[in-house]
Amino acid sequence: MHLARVIGTVVATAKVPSLEGHRLLVVQPLDEEGRDSGSPLVAVDTVSAAPGQVVFFVRGREAASSLPEKFTPCDAAIVGIPDEVTWEEI
């Protein structure tokens, strides 16, 4: 599971049937200190996240497994919204 910030939405005029009814959001992965890390990516929203929110996301097979149809062609999915995130120096 990884942390990211929602930075945008994607509008798709056509989707595979297993993605119908699910929003696609652009997320910016975050590192251990809450800074941007890597390139933004598109993730299926399973928790009704909003722009600006910090979210948990999963990739690969775990992303597809988070959807009702287990064989959905999906590489990233938002699976949680943390109540609070604290970055501390260790």
PDB file of N, CA and C in Angstrom:
ATOM      1  N   MET A   1       0.844  -1.159   0.000  1.00  0.00           N
ATOM      2  CA  MET A   1       0.000   0.000   0.000  1.00  0.00           C
ATOM      3  C   MET A   1       0.896   1.231   0.000  1.00  0.00           C
ATOM      4  N   HIS A   2       0.466   2.242  -0.761  1.00  0.00           N
ATOM      5  CA  HIS A   2       1.258   3.460  -0.919  1.00  0.00           C
ATOM      6  C   HIS A   2       0.383   4.671  -0.623  1.00  0.00           C
ATOM      7  N   LEU A   3       1.025   5.781  -0.272  1.00  0.00           N
ATOM      8  CA  LEU A   3       0.301   7.030  -0.072  1.00  0.00           C
ATOM      9  C   LEU A   3       0.433   7.895  -1.313  1.00  0.00           C
ATOM     10  N   ALA A   4      -0.630   8.642  -1.604  1.00  0.00           N
ATOM     11  CA  ALA A   4      -0.622   9.575  -2.732  1.00  0.00           C
ATOM     12  C   ALA A   4      -1.589  10.704  -2.421  1.00  0.00           C
ATOM     13  N   ARG A   5      -1.496  11.778  -3.215  1.00  0.00           N
ATOM     14  CA  ARG A   5      -2.436  12.882  -3.114  1.00  0.00           C
ATOM     15  C   ARG A   5      -3.219  12.937  -4.425  1.00  0.00           C
ATOM     16  N   VAL A   6      -4.524  13.110  -4.333  1.00  0.00           N
ATOM     17  CA  VAL A   6      -5.357  13.213  -5.529  1.00  0.00           C
ATOM     18  C   VAL A   6      -5.134  14.590  -6.142  1.00  0.00           C
ATOM     19  N   ILE A   7      -4.743  14.611  -7.433  1.00  0.00           N
ATOM     20  CA  ILE A   7      -4.450  15.892  -8.078  1.00  0.00           C
ATOM     21  C   ILE A   7      -5.327  16.163  -9.296  1.00  0.00           C
ATOM     22  N   GLY A   8      -6.197  15.236  -9.659  1.00  0.00           N
ATOM     23  CA  GLY A   8      -7.046  15.498 -10.816  1.00  0.00           C
ATOM     24  C   GLY A   8      -7.990  14.353 -11.108  1.00  0.00           C
ATOM     25  N   THR A   9      -8.797  14.554 -12.127  1.00  0.00           N
ATOM     26  CA  THR A   9      -9.744  13.538 -12.557  1.00  0.00           C
ATOM     27  C   THR A   9      -9.506  13.205 -14.029  1.00  0.00           C
ATOM     28  N   VAL A  10     -10.008  12.049 -14.442  1.00  0.00           N
ATOM     29  CA  VAL A  10      -9.897  11.619 -15.828  1.00  0.00           C
ATOM     30  C   VAL A  10     -11.314  11.413 -16.347  1.00  0.00           C
ATOM     31  N   VAL A  11     -11.584  11.922 -17.549  1.00  0.00           N
ATOM     32  CA  VAL A  11     -12.871  11.691 -18.190  1.00  0.00           C
ATOM     33  C   VAL A  11     -12.648  10.696 -19.315  1.00  0.00           C
ATOM     34  N   ALA A  12     -13.366   9.577 -19.264  1.00  0.00           N
ATOM     35  CA  ALA A  12     -13.243   8.542 -20.287  1.00  0.00           C
ATOM     36  C   ALA A  12     -14.589   8.395 -20.993  1.00  0.00           C
ATOM     37  N   THR A  13     -14.593   8.552 -22.302  1.00  0.00           N
ATOM     38  CA  THR A  13     -15.845   8.419 -23.041  1.00  0.00           C
ATOM     39  C   THR A  13     -16.235   6.960 -23.220  1.00  0.00           C
ATOM     40  N   ALA A  14     -15.271   6.080 -23.097  1.00  0.00           N
ATOM     41  CA  ALA A  14     -15.552   4.640 -23.192  1.00  0.00           C
ATOM     42  C   ALA A  14     -14.678   3.913 -22.183  1.00  0.00           C
ATOM     43  N   LYS A  15     -15.268   2.942 -21.500  1.00  0.00           N
ATOM     44  CA  LYS A  15     -14.547   2.127 -20.520  1.00  0.00           C
ATOM     45  C   LYS A  15     -14.917   0.673 -20.743  1.00  0.00           C
ATOM     46  N   VAL A  16     -14.059  -0.220 -20.273  1.00  0.00           N
ATOM     47  CA  VAL A  16     -14.440  -1.625 -20.267  1.00  0.00           C
ATOM     48  C   VAL A  16     -15.628  -1.758 -19.311  1.00  0.00           C
ATOM     49  N   PRO A  17     -16.537  -2.694 -19.555  1.00  0.00           N
ATOM     50  CA  PRO A  17     -17.734  -2.808 -18.715  1.00  0.00           C
ATOM     51  C   PRO A  17     -17.455  -2.931 -17.217  1.00  0.00           C
ATOM     52  N   SER A  18     -16.364  -3.574 -16.834  1.00  0.00           N
ATOM     53  CA  SER A  18     -16.082  -3.758 -15.403  1.00  0.00           C
ATOM     54  C   SER A  18     -15.659  -2.464 -14.705  1.00  0.00           C
ATOM     55  N   LEU A  19     -15.346  -1.412 -15.463  1.00  0.00           N
ATOM     56  CA  LEU A  19     -15.000  -0.122 -14.864  1.00  0.00           C
ATOM     57  C   LEU A  19     -16.163   0.864 -14.883  1.00  0.00           C
ATOM     58  N   GLU A  20     -17.284   0.491 -15.495  1.00  0.00           N
ATOM     59  CA  GLU A  20     -18.446   1.378 -15.517  1.00  0.00           C
ATOM     60  C   GLU A  20     -18.875   1.680 -14.081  1.00  0.00           C
ATOM     61  N   GLY A  21     -19.164   2.950 -13.815  1.00  0.00           N
ATOM     62  CA  GLY A  21     -19.591   3.349 -12.480  1.00  0.00           C
ATOM     63  C   GLY A  21     -18.453   3.691 -11.532  1.00  0.00           C
ATOM     64  N   HIS A  22     -17.220   3.523 -11.970  1.00  0.00           N
ATOM     65  CA  HIS A  22     -16.061   3.862 -11.142  1.00  0.00           C
ATOM     66  C   HIS A  22     -15.363   5.083 -11.729  1.00  0.00           C
ATOM     67  N   ARG A  23     -15.000   6.030 -10.852  1.00  0.00           N
ATOM     68  CA  ARG A  23     -14.270   7.211 -11.314  1.00  0.00           C
ATOM     69  C   ARG A  23     -12.794   6.882 -11.465  1.00  0.00           C
ATOM     70  N   LEU A  24     -12.141   7.605 -12.348  1.00  0.00           N
ATOM     71  CA  LEU A  24     -10.698   7.504 -12.525  1.00  0.00           C
ATOM     72  C   LEU A  24     -10.093   8.816 -12.049  1.00  0.00           C
ATOM     73  N   LEU A  25      -9.118   8.733 -11.147  1.00  0.00           N
ATOM     74  CA  LEU A  25      -8.480   9.920 -10.591  1.00  0.00           C
ATOM     75  C   LEU A  25      -6.986   9.893 -10.865  1.00  0.00           C
ATOM     76  N   VAL A  26      -6.400  11.069 -10.988  1.00  0.00           N
ATOM     77  CA  VAL A  26      -4.949  11.200 -11.121  1.00  0.00           C
ATOM     78  C   VAL A  26      -4.388  11.393  -9.724  1.00  0.00           C
ATOM     79  N   VAL A  27      -3.420  10.565  -9.346  1.00  0.00           N
ATOM     80  CA  VAL A  27      -2.804  10.666  -8.026  1.00  0.00           C
ATOM     81  C   VAL A  27      -1.298  10.884  -8.165  1.00  0.00           C
ATOM     82  N   GLN A  28      -0.753  11.647  -7.239  1.00  0.00           N
ATOM     83  CA  GLN A  28       0.687  11.894  -7.165  1.00  0.00           C
ATOM     84  C   GLN A  28       1.231  11.099  -5.994  1.00  0.00           C
ATOM     85  N   PRO A  29       2.025  10.040  -6.265  1.00  0.00           N
ATOM     86  CA  PRO A  29       2.607   9.273  -5.154  1.00  0.00           C
ATOM     87  C   PRO A  29       3.457  10.171  -4.245  1.00  0.00           C
ATOM     88  N   LEU A  30       3.489   9.820  -2.959  1.00  0.00           N
ATOM     89  CA  LEU A  30       4.243  10.568  -1.960  1.00  0.00           C
ATOM     90  C   LEU A  30       5.314   9.677  -1.342  1.00  0.00           C
ATOM     91  N   ASP A  31       6.430  10.278  -0.938  1.00  0.00           N
ATOM     92  CA  ASP A  31       7.483   9.500  -0.285  1.00  0.00           C
ATOM     93  C   ASP A  31       7.226   9.441   1.215  1.00  0.00           C
ATOM     94  N   GLU A  32       8.203   8.920   1.960  1.00  0.00           N
ATOM     95  CA  GLU A  32       8.057   8.722   3.402  1.00  0.00           C
ATOM     96  C   GLU A  32       7.912  10.025   4.168  1.00  0.00           C
ATOM     97  N   GLU A  33       8.279  11.139   3.545  1.00  0.00           N
ATOM     98  CA  GLU A  33       8.199  12.438   4.216  1.00  0.00           C
ATOM     99  C   GLU A  33       7.067  13.300   3.669  1.00  0.00           C
ATOM    100  N   GLY A  34       6.228  12.732   2.809  1.00  0.00           N
ATOM    101  CA  GLY A  34       5.090  13.465   2.282  1.00  0.00           C
ATOM    102  C   GLY A  34       5.375  14.318   1.065  1.00  0.00           C
ATOM    103  N   ARG A  35       6.562  14.154   0.473  1.00  0.00           N
ATOM    104  CA  ARG A  35       6.914  14.904  -0.731  1.00  0.00           C
ATOM    105  C   ARG A  35       6.542  14.102  -1.967  1.00  0.00           C
ATOM    106  N   ASP A  36       6.302  14.809  -3.077  1.00  0.00           N
ATOM    107  CA  ASP A  36       6.016  14.140  -4.344  1.00  0.00           C
ATOM    108  C   ASP A  36       7.138  13.179  -4.675  1.00  0.00           C
ATOM    109  N   SER A  37       6.759  12.003  -5.175  1.00  0.00           N
ATOM    110  CA  SER A  37       7.738  10.966  -5.484  1.00  0.00           C
ATOM    111  C   SER A  37       7.329  10.272  -6.777  1.00  0.00           C
ATOM    112  N   GLY A  38       8.091  10.494  -7.828  1.00  0.00           N
ATOM    113  CA  GLY A  38       7.779   9.850  -9.093  1.00  0.00           C
ATOM    114  C   GLY A  38       6.711  10.590  -9.876  1.00  0.00           C
ATOM    115  N   SER A  39       6.240   9.931 -10.915  1.00  0.00           N
ATOM    116  CA  SER A  39       5.259  10.528 -11.819  1.00  0.00           C
ATOM    117  C   SER A  39       3.835  10.257 -11.358  1.00  0.00           C
ATOM    118  N   PRO A  40       2.927  11.179 -11.661  1.00  0.00           N
ATOM    119  CA  PRO A  40       1.517  10.933 -11.362  1.00  0.00           C
ATOM    120  C   PRO A  40       1.010   9.721 -12.146  1.00  0.00           C
ATOM    121  N   LEU A  41      -0.060   9.100 -11.652  1.00  0.00           N
ATOM    122  CA  LEU A  41      -0.656   7.964 -12.343  1.00  0.00           C
ATOM    123  C   LEU A  41      -2.161   7.999 -12.175  1.00  0.00           C
ATOM    124  N   VAL A  42      -2.845   7.223 -13.003  1.00  0.00           N
ATOM    125  CA  VAL A  42      -4.301   7.141 -12.952  1.00  0.00           C
ATOM    126  C   VAL A  42      -4.683   5.933 -12.105  1.00  0.00           C
ATOM    127  N   ALA A  43      -5.629   6.139 -11.190  1.00  0.00           N
ATOM    128  CA  ALA A  43      -6.090   5.057 -10.315  1.00  0.00           C
ATOM    129  C   ALA A  43      -7.616   5.032 -10.292  1.00  0.00           C
ATOM    130  N   VAL A  44      -8.163   3.838 -10.181  1.00  0.00           N
ATOM    131  CA  VAL A  44      -9.607   3.677 -10.040  1.00  0.00           C
ATOM    132  C   VAL A  44      -9.982   4.050  -8.609  1.00  0.00           C
ATOM    133  N   ASP A  45     -11.000   4.890  -8.460  1.00  0.00           N
ATOM    134  CA  ASP A  45     -11.434   5.337  -7.143  1.00  0.00           C
ATOM    135  C   ASP A  45     -12.497   4.395  -6.594  1.00  0.00           C
ATOM    136  N   THR A  46     -12.185   3.702  -5.500  1.00  0.00           N
ATOM    137  CA  THR A  46     -13.155   2.792  -4.880  1.00  0.00           C
ATOM    138  C   THR A  46     -13.718   3.350  -3.577  1.00  0.00           C
ATOM    139  N   VAL A  47     -13.283   4.571  -3.182  1.00  0.00           N
ATOM    140  CA  VAL A  47     -13.672   5.114  -1.873  1.00  0.00           C
ATOM    141  C   VAL A  47     -14.235   6.534  -1.926  1.00  0.00           C
ATOM    142  N   SER A  48     -14.519   7.054  -3.092  1.00  0.00           N
ATOM    143  CA  SER A  48     -15.054   8.418  -3.263  1.00  0.00           C
ATOM    144  C   SER A  48     -14.100   9.483  -2.742  1.00  0.00           C
ATOM    145  N   ALA A  49     -12.850   9.405  -3.179  1.00  0.00           N
ATOM    146  CA  ALA A  49     -11.841  10.389  -2.794  1.00  0.00           C
ATOM    147  C   ALA A  49     -12.101  11.707  -3.529  1.00  0.00           C
ATOM    148  N   ALA A  50     -11.567  12.799  -2.968  1.00  0.00           N
ATOM    149  CA  ALA A  50     -11.745  14.125  -3.545  1.00  0.00           C
ATOM    150  C   ALA A  50     -10.382  14.743  -3.864  1.00  0.00           C
ATOM    151  N   PRO A  51     -10.347  15.672  -4.820  1.00  0.00           N
ATOM    152  CA  PRO A  51      -9.093  16.345  -5.127  1.00  0.00           C
ATOM    153  C   PRO A  51      -8.477  16.974  -3.880  1.00  0.00           C
ATOM    154  N   GLY A  52      -7.161  16.814  -3.739  1.00  0.00           N
ATOM    155  CA  GLY A  52      -6.438  17.351  -2.592  1.00  0.00           C
ATOM    156  C   GLY A  52      -6.297  16.392  -1.432  1.00  0.00           C
ATOM    157  N   GLN A  53      -7.100  15.324  -1.393  1.00  0.00           N
ATOM    158  CA  GLN A  53      -7.022  14.366  -0.290  1.00  0.00           C
ATOM    159  C   GLN A  53      -5.813  13.460  -0.431  1.00  0.00           C
ATOM    160  N   VAL A  54      -5.260  13.065   0.716  1.00  0.00           N
ATOM    161  CA  VAL A  54      -4.230  12.031   0.751  1.00  0.00           C
ATOM    162  C   VAL A  54      -4.965  10.698   0.828  1.00  0.00           C
ATOM    163  N   VAL A  55      -4.517   9.726   0.017  1.00  0.00           N
ATOM    164  CA  VAL A  55      -5.198   8.432  -0.073  1.00  0.00           C
ATOM    165  C   VAL A  55      -4.188   7.295  -0.028  1.00  0.00           C
ATOM    166  N   PHE A  56      -4.690   6.099   0.272  1.00  0.00           N
ATOM    167  CA  PHE A  56      -3.919   4.869   0.119  1.00  0.00           C
ATOM    168  C   PHE A  56      -4.237   4.309  -1.264  1.00  0.00           C
ATOM    169  N   PHE A  57      -3.227   3.809  -1.963  1.00  0.00           N
ATOM    170  CA  PHE A  57      -3.509   3.116  -3.211  1.00  0.00           C
ATOM    171  C   PHE A  57      -2.659   1.862  -3.310  1.00  0.00           C
ATOM    172  N   VAL A  58      -3.158   0.906  -4.084  1.00  0.00           N
ATOM    173  CA  VAL A  58      -2.445  -0.338  -4.331  1.00  0.00           C
ATOM    174  C   VAL A  58      -2.241  -0.478  -5.827  1.00  0.00           C
ATOM    175  N   ARG A  59      -1.271  -1.309  -6.190  1.00  0.00           N
ATOM    176  CA  ARG A  59      -0.953  -1.505  -7.609  1.00  0.00           C
ATOM    177  C   ARG A  59      -0.992  -2.980  -7.950  1.00  0.00           C
ATOM    178  N   GLY A  60      -1.011  -3.262  -9.243  1.00  0.00           N
ATOM    179  CA  GLY A  60      -0.938  -4.635  -9.723  1.00  0.00           C
ATOM    180  C   GLY A  60      -2.177  -5.448  -9.420  1.00  0.00           C
ATOM    181  N   ARG A  61      -1.975  -6.714  -9.099  1.00  0.00           N
ATOM    182  CA  ARG A  61      -3.073  -7.640  -8.858  1.00  0.00           C
ATOM    183  C   ARG A  61      -3.974  -7.188  -7.710  1.00  0.00           C
ATOM    184  N   GLU A  62      -3.389  -6.550  -6.694  1.00  0.00           N
ATOM    185  CA  GLU A  62      -4.177  -6.056  -5.574  1.00  0.00           C
ATOM    186  C   GLU A  62      -5.175  -4.991  -6.037  1.00  0.00           C
ATOM    187  N   ALA A  63      -4.784  -4.185  -7.021  1.00  0.00           N
ATOM    188  CA  ALA A  63      -5.688  -3.161  -7.545  1.00  0.00           C
ATOM    189  C   ALA A  63      -6.898  -3.805  -8.206  1.00  0.00           C
ATOM    190  N   ALA A  64      -6.667  -4.783  -9.047  1.00  0.00           N
ATOM    191  CA  ALA A  64      -7.777  -5.474  -9.713  1.00  0.00           C
ATOM    192  C   ALA A  64      -8.646  -6.206  -8.695  1.00  0.00           C
ATOM    193  N   SER A  65      -8.043  -6.749  -7.647  1.00  0.00           N
ATOM    194  CA  SER A  65      -8.795  -7.483  -6.624  1.00  0.00           C
ATOM    195  C   SER A  65      -9.671  -6.575  -5.774  1.00  0.00           C
ATOM    196  N   SER A  66      -9.407  -5.276  -5.777  1.00  0.00           N
ATOM    197  CA  SER A  66     -10.206  -4.352  -4.970  1.00  0.00           C
ATOM    198  C   SER A  66     -11.550  -4.026  -5.616  1.00  0.00           C
ATOM    199  N   LEU A  67     -11.743  -4.453  -6.853  1.00  0.00           N
ATOM    200  CA  LEU A  67     -12.986  -4.182  -7.575  1.00  0.00           C
ATOM    201  C   LEU A  67     -13.884  -5.416  -7.573  1.00  0.00           C
ATOM    202  N   PRO A  68     -15.194  -5.219  -7.728  1.00  0.00           N
ATOM    203  CA  PRO A  68     -16.105  -6.375  -7.711  1.00  0.00           C
ATOM    204  C   PRO A  68     -15.777  -7.420  -8.776  1.00  0.00           C
ATOM    205  N   GLU A  69     -15.450  -6.986  -9.979  1.00  0.00           N
ATOM    206  CA  GLU A  69     -15.089  -7.911 -11.057  1.00  0.00           C
ATOM    207  C   GLU A  69     -13.585  -8.158 -10.945  1.00  0.00           C
ATOM    208  N   LYS A  70     -13.187  -9.359 -10.573  1.00  0.00           N
ATOM    209  CA  LYS A  70     -11.789  -9.654 -10.250  1.00  0.00           C
ATOM    210  C   LYS A  70     -10.835  -9.604 -11.446  1.00  0.00           C
ATOM    211  N   PHE A  71     -11.352  -9.657 -12.666  1.00  0.00           N
ATOM    212  CA  PHE A  71     -10.471  -9.634 -13.831  1.00  0.00           C
ATOM    213  C   PHE A  71     -10.561  -8.309 -14.570  1.00  0.00           C
ATOM    214  N   THR A  72     -10.678  -7.231 -13.823  1.00  0.00           N
ATOM    215  CA  THR A  72     -10.714  -5.892 -14.392  1.00  0.00           C
ATOM    216  C   THR A  72      -9.305  -5.469 -14.790  1.00  0.00           C
ATOM    217  N   PRO A  73      -9.126  -4.919 -15.991  1.00  0.00           N
ATOM    218  CA  PRO A  73      -7.800  -4.456 -16.400  1.00  0.00           C
ATOM    219  C   PRO A  73      -7.459  -3.138 -15.687  1.00  0.00           C
ATOM    220  N   CYS A  74      -6.863  -3.263 -14.515  1.00  0.00           N
ATOM    221  CA  CYS A  74      -6.599  -2.111 -13.658  1.00  0.00           C
ATOM    222  C   CYS A  74      -5.224  -2.286 -13.020  1.00  0.00           C
ATOM    223  N   ASP A  75      -4.412  -1.242 -13.066  1.00  0.00           N
ATOM    224  CA  ASP A  75      -3.073  -1.329 -12.492  1.00  0.00           C
ATOM    225  C   ASP A  75      -2.932  -0.574 -11.174  1.00  0.00           C
ATOM    226  N   ALA A  76      -3.873   0.335 -10.868  1.00  0.00           N
ATOM    227  CA  ALA A  76      -3.807   1.082  -9.608  1.00  0.00           C
ATOM    228  C   ALA A  76      -5.225   1.378  -9.140  1.00  0.00           C
ATOM    229  N   ALA A  77      -5.442   1.267  -7.829  1.00  0.00           N
ATOM    230  CA  ALA A  77      -6.755   1.552  -7.259  1.00  0.00           C
ATOM    231  C   ALA A  77      -6.605   2.239  -5.910  1.00  0.00           C
ATOM    232  N   ILE A  78      -7.418   3.251  -5.684  1.00  0.00           N
ATOM    233  CA  ILE A  78      -7.468   3.926  -4.394  1.00  0.00           C
ATOM    234  C   ILE A  78      -8.343   3.087  -3.482  1.00  0.00           C
ATOM    235  N   VAL A  79      -7.789   2.672  -2.338  1.00  0.00           N
ATOM    236  CA  VAL A  79      -8.508   1.756  -1.455  1.00  0.00           C
ATOM    237  C   VAL A  79      -8.762   2.314  -0.058  1.00  0.00           C
ATOM    238  N   GLY A  80      -8.295   3.516   0.234  1.00  0.00           N
ATOM    239  CA  GLY A  80      -8.518   4.063   1.565  1.00  0.00           C
ATOM    240  C   GLY A  80      -8.194   5.541   1.653  1.00  0.00           C
ATOM    241  N   ILE A  81      -8.797   6.177   2.644  1.00  0.00           N
ATOM    242  CA  ILE A  81      -8.524   7.579   2.952  1.00  0.00           C
ATOM    243  C   ILE A  81      -8.129   7.630   4.423  1.00  0.00           C
ATOM    244  N   PRO A  82      -6.862   7.947   4.715  1.00  0.00           N
ATOM    245  CA  PRO A  82      -6.449   7.977   6.123  1.00  0.00           C
ATOM    246  C   PRO A  82      -7.088   9.150   6.864  1.00  0.00           C
ATOM    247  N   ASP A  83      -7.391   8.928   8.145  1.00  0.00           N
ATOM    248  CA  ASP A  83      -7.928  10.003   8.973  1.00  0.00           C
ATOM    249  C   ASP A  83      -6.856  11.049   9.262  1.00  0.00           C
ATOM    250  N   GLU A  84      -5.631  10.570   9.427  1.00  0.00           N
ATOM    251  CA  GLU A  84      -4.529  11.468   9.755  1.00  0.00           C
ATOM    252  C   GLU A  84      -3.233  10.846   9.277  1.00  0.00           C
ATOM    253  N   VAL A  85      -2.327  11.687   8.775  1.00  0.00           N
ATOM    254  CA  VAL A  85      -1.005  11.210   8.369  1.00  0.00           C
ATOM    255  C   VAL A  85       0.010  12.083   9.084  1.00  0.00           C
ATOM    256  N   THR A  86       0.940  11.446   9.783  1.00  0.00           N
ATOM    257  CA  THR A  86       1.996  12.159  10.488  1.00  0.00           C
ATOM    258  C   THR A  86       3.335  11.646  10.006  1.00  0.00           C
ATOM    259  N   TRP A  87       4.162  12.544   9.532  1.00  0.00           N
ATOM    260  CA  TRP A  87       5.503  12.151   9.115  1.00  0.00           C
ATOM    261  C   TRP A  87       6.467  12.586  10.200  1.00  0.00           C
ATOM    262  N   GLU A  88       7.163  11.598  10.773  1.00  0.00           N
ATOM    263  CA  GLU A  88       8.103  11.885  11.844  1.00  0.00           C
ATOM    264  C   GLU A  88       9.487  11.425  11.439  1.00  0.00           C
ATOM    265  N   GLU A  89      10.481  12.141  11.919  1.00  0.00           N
ATOM    266  CA  GLU A  89      11.864  11.740  11.688  1.00  0.00           C
ATOM    267  C   GLU A  89      12.205  10.611  12.636  1.00  0.00           C
ATOM    268  N   ILE A  90      12.833   9.577  12.115  1.00  0.00           N
ATOM    269  CA  ILE A  90      13.220   8.438  12.960  1.00  0.00           C
ATOM    270  C   ILE A  90      14.710   8.430  13.171  1.00  0.00           C
TER     271      ILE A  90
END
